[in-house]
PDB file of all heavy atoms in Angstrom:
ATOM      1  N   LEU A   1      20.967 138.867  59.845  1.00  0.00           N
ATOM      2  CA  LEU A   1      19.600 138.387  59.702  1.00  0.00           C
ATOM      3  C   LEU A   1      19.556 136.853  59.887  1.00  0.00           C
ATOM      4  O   LEU A   1      20.381 136.127  59.344  1.00  0.00           O
ATOM      5  CB  LEU A   1      19.025 138.740  58.334  1.00  0.00           C
ATOM      6  CG  LEU A   1      18.910 140.233  58.018  1.00  0.00           C
ATOM      7  CD1 LEU A   1      18.253 140.424  56.647  1.00  0.00           C
ATOM      8  CD2 LEU A   1      18.127 140.977  59.096  1.00  0.00           C
ATOM      9  N   GLU A   2      18.585 136.413  60.627  1.00  0.00           N
ATOM     10  CA  GLU A   2      18.376 134.987  60.815  1.00  0.00           C
ATOM     11  C   GLU A   2      17.516 134.400  59.714  1.00  0.00           C
ATOM     12  O   GLU A   2      17.709 133.270  59.277  1.00  0.00           O
ATOM     13  CB  GLU A   2      17.683 134.754  62.177  1.00  0.00           C
ATOM     14  CG  GLU A   2      17.411 133.282  62.479  1.00  0.00           C
ATOM     15  CD  GLU A   2      16.712 133.085  63.810  1.00  0.00           C
ATOM     16  OE1 GLU A   2      16.202 134.071  64.362  1.00  0.00           O
ATOM     17  OE2 GLU A   2      16.680 131.930  64.299  1.00  0.00           O
ATOM     18  N   ASN A   3      16.595 135.227  59.190  1.00  0.00           N
ATOM     19  CA  ASN A   3      15.653 134.695  58.199  1.00  0.00           C
ATOM     20  C   ASN A   3      15.039 135.842  57.414  1.00  0.00           C
ATOM     21  O   ASN A   3      14.812 136.926  57.950  1.00  0.00           O
ATOM     22  CB  ASN A   3      14.548 133.892  58.914  1.00  0.00           C
ATOM     23  CG  ASN A   3      13.495 133.383  57.964  1.00  0.00           C
ATOM     24  OD1 ASN A   3      12.459 134.020  57.745  1.00  0.00           O
ATOM     25  ND2 ASN A   3      13.754 132.216  57.380  1.00  0.00           N
ATOM     26  N   VAL A   4      14.777 135.605  56.131  1.00  0.00           N
ATOM     27  CA  VAL A   4      14.020 136.510  55.273  1.00  0.00           C
ATOM     28  C   VAL A   4      12.956 135.678  54.577  1.00  0.00           C
ATOM     29  O   VAL A   4      13.282 134.613  53.994  1.00  0.00           O
ATOM     30  CB  VAL A   4      14.898 137.238  54.248  1.00  0.00           C
ATOM     31  CG1 VAL A   4      14.039 138.072  53.310  1.00  0.00           C
ATOM     32  CG2 VAL A   4      15.942 138.102  54.941  1.00  0.00           C
ATOM     33  N   HIS A   5      11.694 136.114  54.625  1.00  0.00           N
ATOM     34  CA  HIS A   5      10.663 135.303  53.989  1.00  0.00           C
ATOM     35  C   HIS A   5       9.503 136.182  53.524  1.00  0.00           C
ATOM     36  O   HIS A   5       9.349 137.341  53.920  1.00  0.00           O
ATOM     37  CB  HIS A   5      10.144 134.201  54.931  1.00  0.00           C
ATOM     38  CG  HIS A   5       9.438 134.742  56.137  1.00  0.00           C
ATOM     39  ND1 HIS A   5      10.075 135.070  57.306  1.00  0.00           N
ATOM     40  CD2 HIS A   5       8.121 135.009  56.380  1.00  0.00           C
ATOM     41  CE1 HIS A   5       9.217 135.511  58.203  1.00  0.00           C
ATOM     42  NE2 HIS A   5       8.016 135.475  57.647  1.00  0.00           N
ATOM     43  N   TRP A   6       8.676 135.582  52.652  1.00  0.00           N
ATOM     44  CA  TRP A   6       7.470 136.204  52.095  1.00  0.00           C
ATOM     45  C   TRP A   6       6.273 135.469  52.644  1.00  0.00           C
ATOM     46  O   TRP A   6       6.211 134.242  52.623  1.00  0.00           O
ATOM     47  CB  TRP A   6       7.541 136.094  50.567  1.00  0.00           C
ATOM     48  CG  TRP A   6       6.282 136.417  49.828  1.00  0.00           C
ATOM     49  CD1 TRP A   6       5.404 135.540  49.269  1.00  0.00           C
ATOM     50  CD2 TRP A   6       5.757 137.730  49.547  1.00  0.00           C
ATOM     51  NE1 TRP A   6       4.371 136.193  48.656  1.00  0.00           N
ATOM     52  CE2 TRP A   6       4.561 137.546  48.794  1.00  0.00           C
ATOM     53  CE3 TRP A   6       6.202 139.006  49.834  1.00  0.00           C
ATOM     54  CZ2 TRP A   6       3.791 138.609  48.350  1.00  0.00           C
ATOM     55  CZ3 TRP A   6       5.423 140.085  49.377  1.00  0.00           C
ATOM     56  CH2 TRP A   6       4.256 139.886  48.649  1.00  0.00           C
ATOM     57  N   ASP A   7       5.297 136.213  53.177  1.00  0.00           N
ATOM     58  CA  ASP A   7       4.129 135.574  53.798  1.00  0.00           C
ATOM     59  C   ASP A   7       2.897 135.593  52.913  1.00  0.00           C
ATOM     60  O   ASP A   7       1.784 135.246  53.354  1.00  0.00           O
ATOM     61  CB  ASP A   7       3.810 136.198  55.144  1.00  0.00           C
ATOM     62  CG  ASP A   7       3.278 137.643  55.014  1.00  0.00           C
ATOM     63  OD1 ASP A   7       3.164 138.151  53.876  1.00  0.00           O
ATOM     64  OD2 ASP A   7       2.973 138.254  56.064  1.00  0.00           O
ATOM     65  N   GLY A   8       3.079 135.957  51.639  1.00  0.00           N
ATOM     66  CA  GLY A   8       1.969 136.049  50.714  1.00  0.00           C
ATOM     67  C   GLY A   8       1.478 137.478  50.523  1.00  0.00           C
ATOM     68  O   GLY A   8       0.802 137.775  49.527  1.00  0.00           O
ATOM     69  N   LYS A   9       1.850 138.382  51.472  1.00  0.00           N
ATOM     70  CA  LYS A   9       1.446 139.779  51.358  1.00  0.00           C
ATOM     71  C   LYS A   9       2.644 140.741  51.424  1.00  0.00           C
ATOM     72  O   LYS A   9       2.674 141.756  50.749  1.00  0.00           O
ATOM     73  CB  LYS A   9       0.446 140.135  52.473  1.00  0.00           C
ATOM     74  CG  LYS A   9      -0.890 139.453  52.335  1.00  0.00           C
ATOM     75  CD  LYS A   9      -1.849 139.940  53.435  1.00  0.00           C
ATOM     76  CE  LYS A   9      -3.222 139.279  53.296  1.00  0.00           C
ATOM     77  NZ  LYS A   9      -4.162 139.735  54.371  1.00  0.00           N
ATOM     78  N   GLU A  10       3.614 140.356  52.257  1.00  0.00           N
ATOM     79  CA  GLU A  10       4.765 141.247  52.438  1.00  0.00           C
ATOM     80  C   GLU A  10       6.010 140.441  52.799  1.00  0.00           C
ATOM     81  O   GLU A  10       5.917 139.270  53.192  1.00  0.00           O
ATOM     82  CB  GLU A  10       4.478 142.298  53.529  1.00  0.00           C
ATOM     83  CG  GLU A  10       4.210 141.680  54.897  1.00  0.00           C
ATOM     84  CD  GLU A  10       3.943 142.736  55.958  1.00  0.00           C
ATOM     85  OE1 GLU A  10       4.536 143.828  55.869  1.00  0.00           O
ATOM     86  OE2 GLU A  10       3.163 142.468  56.884  1.00  0.00           O
ATOM     87  N   TYR A  11       7.173 141.111  52.678  1.00  0.00           N
ATOM     88  CA  TYR A  11       8.434 140.503  53.055  1.00  0.00           C
ATOM     89  C   TYR A  11       8.718 140.762  54.520  1.00  0.00           C
ATOM     90  O   TYR A  11       8.394 141.834  55.054  1.00  0.00           O
ATOM     91  CB  TYR A  11       9.585 141.059  52.215  1.00  0.00           C
ATOM     92  CG  TYR A  11       9.532 140.665  50.760  1.00  0.00           C
ATOM     93  CD1 TYR A  11       9.131 141.581  49.779  1.00  0.00           C
ATOM     94  CD2 TYR A  11       9.876 139.377  50.358  1.00  0.00           C
ATOM     95  CE1 TYR A  11       9.091 141.222  48.436  1.00  0.00           C
ATOM     96  CE2 TYR A  11       9.847 139.006  49.021  1.00  0.00           C
ATOM     97  CZ  TYR A  11       9.445 139.932  48.067  1.00  0.00           C
ATOM     98  OH  TYR A  11       9.407 139.558  46.739  1.00  0.00           O
ATOM     99  N   HIS A  12       9.359 139.765  55.162  1.00  0.00           N
ATOM    100  CA  HIS A  12       9.756 139.896  56.558  1.00  0.00           C
ATOM    101  C   HIS A  12      11.256 139.613  56.679  1.00  0.00           C
ATOM    102  O   HIS A  12      11.789 138.723  56.009  1.00  0.00           O
ATOM    103  CB  HIS A  12       8.989 138.907  57.443  1.00  0.00           C
ATOM    104  CG  HIS A  12       7.503 139.164  57.494  1.00  0.00           C
ATOM    105  ND1 HIS A  12       6.910 139.869  58.519  1.00  0.00           N
ATOM    106  CD2 HIS A  12       6.510 138.849  56.642  1.00  0.00           C
ATOM    107  CE1 HIS A  12       5.615 139.965  58.309  1.00  0.00           C
ATOM    108  NE2 HIS A  12       5.330 139.341  57.162  1.00  0.00           N
ATOM    109  N   ALA A  13      11.894 140.359  57.562  1.00  0.00           N
ATOM    110  CA  ALA A  13      13.300 140.118  57.894  1.00  0.00           C
ATOM    111  C   ALA A  13      13.381 139.896  59.403  1.00  0.00           C
ATOM    112  O   ALA A  13      12.912 140.743  60.182  1.00  0.00           O
ATOM    113  CB  ALA A  13      14.172 141.283  57.469  1.00  0.00           C
ATOM    114  N   ILE A  14      13.961 138.780  59.809  1.00  0.00           N
ATOM    115  CA  ILE A  14      14.102 138.445  61.225  1.00  0.00           C
ATOM    116  C   ILE A  14      15.554 138.694  61.644  1.00  0.00           C
ATOM    117  O   ILE A  14      16.457 137.993  61.183  1.00  0.00           O
ATOM    118  CB  ILE A  14      13.712 136.972  61.508  1.00  0.00           C
ATOM    119  CG1 ILE A  14      12.404 136.604  60.801  1.00  0.00           C
ATOM    120  CG2 ILE A  14      13.647 136.731  62.999  1.00  0.00           C
ATOM    121  CD1 ILE A  14      11.212 137.425  61.225  1.00  0.00           C
ATOM    122  N   VAL A  15      15.758 139.702  62.450  1.00  0.00           N
ATOM    123  CA  VAL A  15      17.109 139.987  62.957  1.00  0.00           C
ATOM    124  C   VAL A  15      17.470 138.940  64.015  1.00  0.00           C
ATOM    125  O   VAL A  15      16.618 138.539  64.803  1.00  0.00           O
ATOM    126  CB  VAL A  15      17.159 141.409  63.566  1.00  0.00           C
ATOM    127  CG1 VAL A  15      18.541 141.720  64.102  1.00  0.00           C
ATOM    128  CG2 VAL A  15      16.749 142.444  62.524  1.00  0.00           C
ATOM    129  N   TRP A  16      18.721 138.477  63.975  1.00  0.00           N
ATOM    130  CA  TRP A  16      19.157 137.523  65.002  1.00  0.00           C
ATOM    131  C   TRP A  16      18.861 138.068  66.380  1.00  0.00           C
ATOM    132  O   TRP A  16      19.056 139.272  66.631  1.00  0.00           O
ATOM    133  CB  TRP A  16      20.654 137.244  64.873  1.00  0.00           C
ATOM    134  CG  TRP A  16      21.018 136.246  63.811  1.00  0.00           C
ATOM    135  CD1 TRP A  16      21.583 136.503  62.606  1.00  0.00           C
ATOM    136  CD2 TRP A  16      20.849 134.822  63.876  1.00  0.00           C
ATOM    137  NE1 TRP A  16      21.777 135.350  61.889  1.00  0.00           N
ATOM    138  CE2 TRP A  16      21.324 134.288  62.651  1.00  0.00           C
ATOM    139  CE3 TRP A  16      20.337 133.949  64.841  1.00  0.00           C
ATOM    140  CZ2 TRP A  16      21.319 132.936  62.365  1.00  0.00           C
ATOM    141  CZ3 TRP A  16      20.325 132.578  64.562  1.00  0.00           C
ATOM    142  CH2 TRP A  16      20.810 132.081  63.349  1.00  0.00           C
ATOM    143  N   PRO A  17      18.373 137.237  67.315  1.00  0.00           N
ATOM    144  CA  PRO A  17      18.090 137.725  68.670  1.00  0.00           C
ATOM    145  C   PRO A  17      19.303 138.420  69.271  1.00  0.00           C
ATOM    146  O   PRO A  17      20.434 137.941  69.150  1.00  0.00           O
ATOM    147  CB  PRO A  17      17.735 136.443  69.438  1.00  0.00           C
ATOM    148  CG  PRO A  17      17.203 135.521  68.377  1.00  0.00           C
ATOM    149  CD  PRO A  17      18.021 135.806  67.163  1.00  0.00           C
ATOM    150  N   ASP A  18      19.073 139.558  69.910  1.00  0.00           N
ATOM    151  CA  ASP A  18      20.136 140.307  70.542  1.00  0.00           C
ATOM    152  C   ASP A  18      20.342 139.807  71.975  1.00  0.00           C
ATOM    153  O   ASP A  18      19.481 140.015  72.848  1.00  0.00           O
ATOM    154  CB  ASP A  18      19.816 141.801  70.513  1.00  0.00           C
ATOM    155  CG  ASP A  18      19.932 142.389  69.114  1.00  0.00           C
ATOM    156  OD1 ASP A  18      20.852 141.983  68.389  1.00  0.00           O
ATOM    157  OD2 ASP A  18      19.108 143.247  68.758  1.00  0.00           O
ATOM    158  N   GLU A  19      21.464 139.161  72.200  1.00  0.00           N
ATOM    159  CA  GLU A  19      21.799 138.580  73.504  1.00  0.00           C
ATOM    160  C   GLU A  19      22.401 139.645  74.414  1.00  0.00           C
ATOM    161  O   GLU A  19      22.954 140.653  73.945  1.00  0.00           O
ATOM    162  CB  GLU A  19      22.791 137.431  73.334  1.00  0.00           C
ATOM    163  CG  GLU A  19      22.334 136.305  72.415  1.00  0.00           C
ATOM    164  CD  GLU A  19      21.356 135.362  73.106  1.00  0.00           C
ATOM    165  OE1 GLU A  19      21.209 135.494  74.363  1.00  0.00           O
ATOM    166  OE2 GLU A  19      20.767 134.509  72.403  1.00  0.00           O
ATOM    167  N   PRO A  20      22.306 139.463  75.733  1.00  0.00           N
ATOM    168  CA  PRO A  20      22.969 140.389  76.654  1.00  0.00           C
ATOM    169  C   PRO A  20      24.474 140.461  76.370  1.00  0.00           C
ATOM    170  O   PRO A  20      25.103 139.464  75.996  1.00  0.00           O
ATOM    171  CB  PRO A  20      22.707 139.766  78.032  1.00  0.00           C
ATOM    172  CG  PRO A  20      21.473 138.949  77.842  1.00  0.00           C
ATOM    173  CD  PRO A  20      21.556 138.418  76.436  1.00  0.00           C
ATOM    174  N   ARG A  21      25.043 141.661  76.551  1.00  0.00           N
ATOM    175  CA  ARG A  21      26.472 141.851  76.284  1.00  0.00           C
ATOM    176  C   ARG A  21      27.169 142.190  77.603  1.00  0.00           C
ATOM    177  O   ARG A  21      27.226 143.367  78.000  1.00  0.00           O
ATOM    178  CB  ARG A  21      26.642 142.956  75.240  1.00  0.00           C
ATOM    179  CG  ARG A  21      25.969 142.614  73.919  1.00  0.00           C
ATOM    180  CD  ARG A  21      26.394 143.531  72.797  1.00  0.00           C
ATOM    181  NE  ARG A  21      25.758 144.840  72.885  1.00  0.00           N
ATOM    182  CZ  ARG A  21      25.888 145.790  71.929  1.00  0.00           C
ATOM    183  NH1 ARG A  21      26.603 145.549  70.842  1.00  0.00           N
ATOM    184  NH2 ARG A  21      25.277 146.952  72.075  1.00  0.00           N
ATOM    185  N   HIS A  22      27.703 141.152  78.242  1.00  0.00           N
ATOM    186  CA  HIS A  22      28.293 141.306  79.565  1.00  0.00           C
ATOM    187  C   HIS A  22      29.744 141.780  79.505  1.00  0.00           C
ATOM    188  O   HIS A  22      30.299 142.153  80.529  1.00  0.00           O
ATOM    189  CB  HIS A  22      28.210 139.977  80.326  1.00  0.00           C
ATOM    190  CG  HIS A  22      26.807 139.486  80.522  1.00  0.00           C
ATOM    191  ND1 HIS A  22      25.854 140.205  81.205  1.00  0.00           N
ATOM    192  CD2 HIS A  22      26.179 138.350  80.114  1.00  0.00           C
ATOM    193  CE1 HIS A  22      24.715 139.538  81.211  1.00  0.00           C
ATOM    194  NE2 HIS A  22      24.894 138.404  80.557  1.00  0.00           N
ATOM    195  N   ASN A  23      30.311 141.777  78.312  1.00  0.00           N
ATOM    196  CA  ASN A  23      31.680 142.257  78.143  1.00  0.00           C
ATOM    197  C   ASN A  23      31.768 143.096  76.864  1.00  0.00           C
ATOM    198  O   ASN A  23      30.964 142.934  75.952  1.00  0.00           O
ATOM    199  CB  ASN A  23      32.679 141.099  78.030  1.00  0.00           C
ATOM    200  CG  ASN A  23      32.682 140.242  79.280  1.00  0.00           C
ATOM    201  OD1 ASN A  23      33.169 140.656  80.324  1.00  0.00           O
ATOM    202  ND2 ASN A  23      32.136 139.034  79.181  1.00  0.00           N
ATOM    203  N   TYR A  24      32.754 143.974  76.828  1.00  0.00           N
ATOM    204  CA  TYR A  24      32.940 144.802  75.633  1.00  0.00           C
ATOM    205  C   TYR A  24      33.673 143.973  74.572  1.00  0.00           C
ATOM    206  O   TYR A  24      34.699 143.366  74.827  1.00  0.00           O
ATOM    207  CB  TYR A  24      33.766 146.046  75.943  1.00  0.00           C
ATOM    208  CG  TYR A  24      34.082 146.855  74.707  1.00  0.00           C
ATOM    209  CD1 TYR A  24      33.118 147.709  74.139  1.00  0.00           C
ATOM    210  CD2 TYR A  24      35.325 146.762  74.078  1.00  0.00           C
ATOM    211  CE1 TYR A  24      33.389 148.433  73.007  1.00  0.00           C
ATOM    212  CE2 TYR A  24      35.606 147.497  72.947  1.00  0.00           C
ATOM    213  CZ  TYR A  24      34.624 148.320  72.395  1.00  0.00           C
ATOM    214  OH  TYR A  24      34.904 149.032  71.258  1.00  0.00           O
ATOM    215  N   VAL A  25      33.108 143.971  73.366  1.00  0.00           N
ATOM    216  CA  VAL A  25      33.741 143.366  72.216  1.00  0.00           C
ATOM    217  C   VAL A  25      33.696 144.392  71.079  1.00  0.00           C
ATOM    218  O   VAL A  25      32.611 144.835  70.695  1.00  0.00           O
ATOM    219  CB  VAL A  25      33.046 142.062  71.793  1.00  0.00           C
ATOM    220  CG1 VAL A  25      33.709 141.500  70.549  1.00  0.00           C
ATOM    221  CG2 VAL A  25      33.075 141.043  72.922  1.00  0.00           C
ATOM    222  N   TYR A  26      34.866 144.742  70.558  1.00  0.00           N
ATOM    223  CA  TYR A  26      34.896 145.748  69.495  1.00  0.00           C
ATOM    224  C   TYR A  26      34.182 145.244  68.248  1.00  0.00           C
ATOM    225  O   TYR A  26      34.373 144.098  67.838  1.00  0.00           O
ATOM    226  CB  TYR A  26      36.325 146.144  69.127  1.00  0.00           C
ATOM    227  CG  TYR A  26      36.371 147.024  67.897  1.00  0.00           C
ATOM    228  CD1 TYR A  26      35.986 148.370  67.977  1.00  0.00           C
ATOM    229  CD2 TYR A  26      36.743 146.521  66.656  1.00  0.00           C
ATOM    230  CE1 TYR A  26      35.993 149.193  66.871  1.00  0.00           C
ATOM    231  CE2 TYR A  26      36.772 147.338  65.525  1.00  0.00           C
ATOM    232  CZ  TYR A  26      36.386 148.671  65.656  1.00  0.00           C
ATOM    233  OH  TYR A  26      36.394 149.458  64.536  1.00  0.00           O
ATOM    234  N   ASP A  27      33.366 146.108  67.663  1.00  0.00           N
ATOM    235  CA  ASP A  27      32.689 145.795  66.425  1.00  0.00           C
ATOM    236  C   ASP A  27      32.509 147.100  65.679  1.00  0.00           C
ATOM    237  O   ASP A  27      31.889 148.028  66.191  1.00  0.00           O
ATOM    238  CB  ASP A  27      31.340 145.131  66.683  1.00  0.00           C
ATOM    239  CG  ASP A  27      30.696 144.608  65.404  1.00  0.00           C
ATOM    240  OD1 ASP A  27      31.410 144.453  64.395  1.00  0.00           O
ATOM    241  OD2 ASP A  27      29.466 144.370  65.396  1.00  0.00           O
ATOM    242  N   GLU A  28      33.074 147.198  64.478  1.00  0.00           N
ATOM    243  CA  GLU A  28      32.952 148.437  63.696  1.00  0.00           C
ATOM    244  C   GLU A  28      31.486 148.719  63.402  1.00  0.00           C
ATOM    245  O   GLU A  28      30.760 147.847  62.922  1.00  0.00           O
ATOM    246  CB  GLU A  28      33.757 148.328  62.397  1.00  0.00           C
ATOM    247  CG  GLU A  28      33.786 149.612  61.599  1.00  0.00           C
ATOM    248  CD  GLU A  28      34.682 149.501  60.370  1.00  0.00           C
ATOM    249  OE1 GLU A  28      35.164 148.391  60.084  1.00  0.00           O
ATOM    250  OE2 GLU A  28      34.863 150.529  59.694  1.00  0.00           O
ATOM    251  N   ASP A  29      31.054 149.923  63.705  1.00  0.00           N
ATOM    252  CA  ASP A  29      29.646 150.260  63.505  1.00  0.00           C
ATOM    253  C   ASP A  29      29.522 151.654  62.898  1.00  0.00           C
ATOM    254  O   ASP A  29      30.523 152.292  62.564  1.00  0.00           O
ATOM    255  CB  ASP A  29      28.870 150.156  64.821  1.00  0.00           C
ATOM    256  CG  ASP A  29      29.293 151.207  65.845  1.00  0.00           C
ATOM    257  OD1 ASP A  29      30.277 151.930  65.578  1.00  0.00           O
ATOM    258  OD2 ASP A  29      28.661 151.311  66.892  1.00  0.00           O
ATOM    259  N   ALA A  30      28.268 152.108  62.777  1.00  0.00           N
ATOM    260  CA  ALA A  30      28.010 153.399  62.122  1.00  0.00           C
ATOM    261  C   ALA A  30      27.302 154.390  63.064  1.00  0.00           C
ATOM    262  O   ALA A  30      26.735 155.375  62.600  1.00  0.00           O
ATOM    263  CB  ALA A  30      27.202 153.202  60.846  1.00  0.00           C
ATOM    264  N   ASN A  31      27.337 154.118  64.369  1.00  0.00           N
ATOM    265  CA  ASN A  31      26.776 155.043  65.356  1.00  0.00           C
ATOM    266  C   ASN A  31      25.361 155.473  65.047  1.00  0.00           C
ATOM    267  O   ASN A  31      24.997 156.653  65.154  1.00  0.00           O
ATOM    268  CB  ASN A  31      27.698 156.252  65.526  1.00  0.00           C
ATOM    269  CG  ASN A  31      29.004 155.907  66.194  1.00  0.00           C
ATOM    270  OD1 ASN A  31      29.092 154.978  66.984  1.00  0.00           O
ATOM    271  ND2 ASN A  31      30.060 156.617  65.845  1.00  0.00           N
ATOM    272  N   GLY A  32      24.543 154.517  64.606  1.00  0.00           N
ATOM    273  CA  GLY A  32      23.132 154.783  64.384  1.00  0.00           C
ATOM    274  C   GLY A  32      22.751 155.153  62.971  1.00  0.00           C
ATOM    275  O   GLY A  32      21.571 155.278  62.657  1.00  0.00           O
ATOM    276  N   ALA A  33      23.732 155.358  62.087  1.00  0.00           N
ATOM    277  CA  ALA A  33      23.453 155.782  60.716  1.00  0.00           C
ATOM    278  C   ALA A  33      22.880 154.629  59.893  1.00  0.00           C
ATOM    279  O   ALA A  33      22.953 153.436  60.266  1.00  0.00           O
ATOM    280  CB  ALA A  33      24.696 156.338  60.050  1.00  0.00           C
TER     281      ALA A  33
END
């Protein structure tokens, strides 16, 4: 997350921008779970 904030009505979470992935880099994940 890049940012989490409250706008007076609700909470917002800003996910870091997803950049193009031109090469494979291993990253442990949960396959969508």
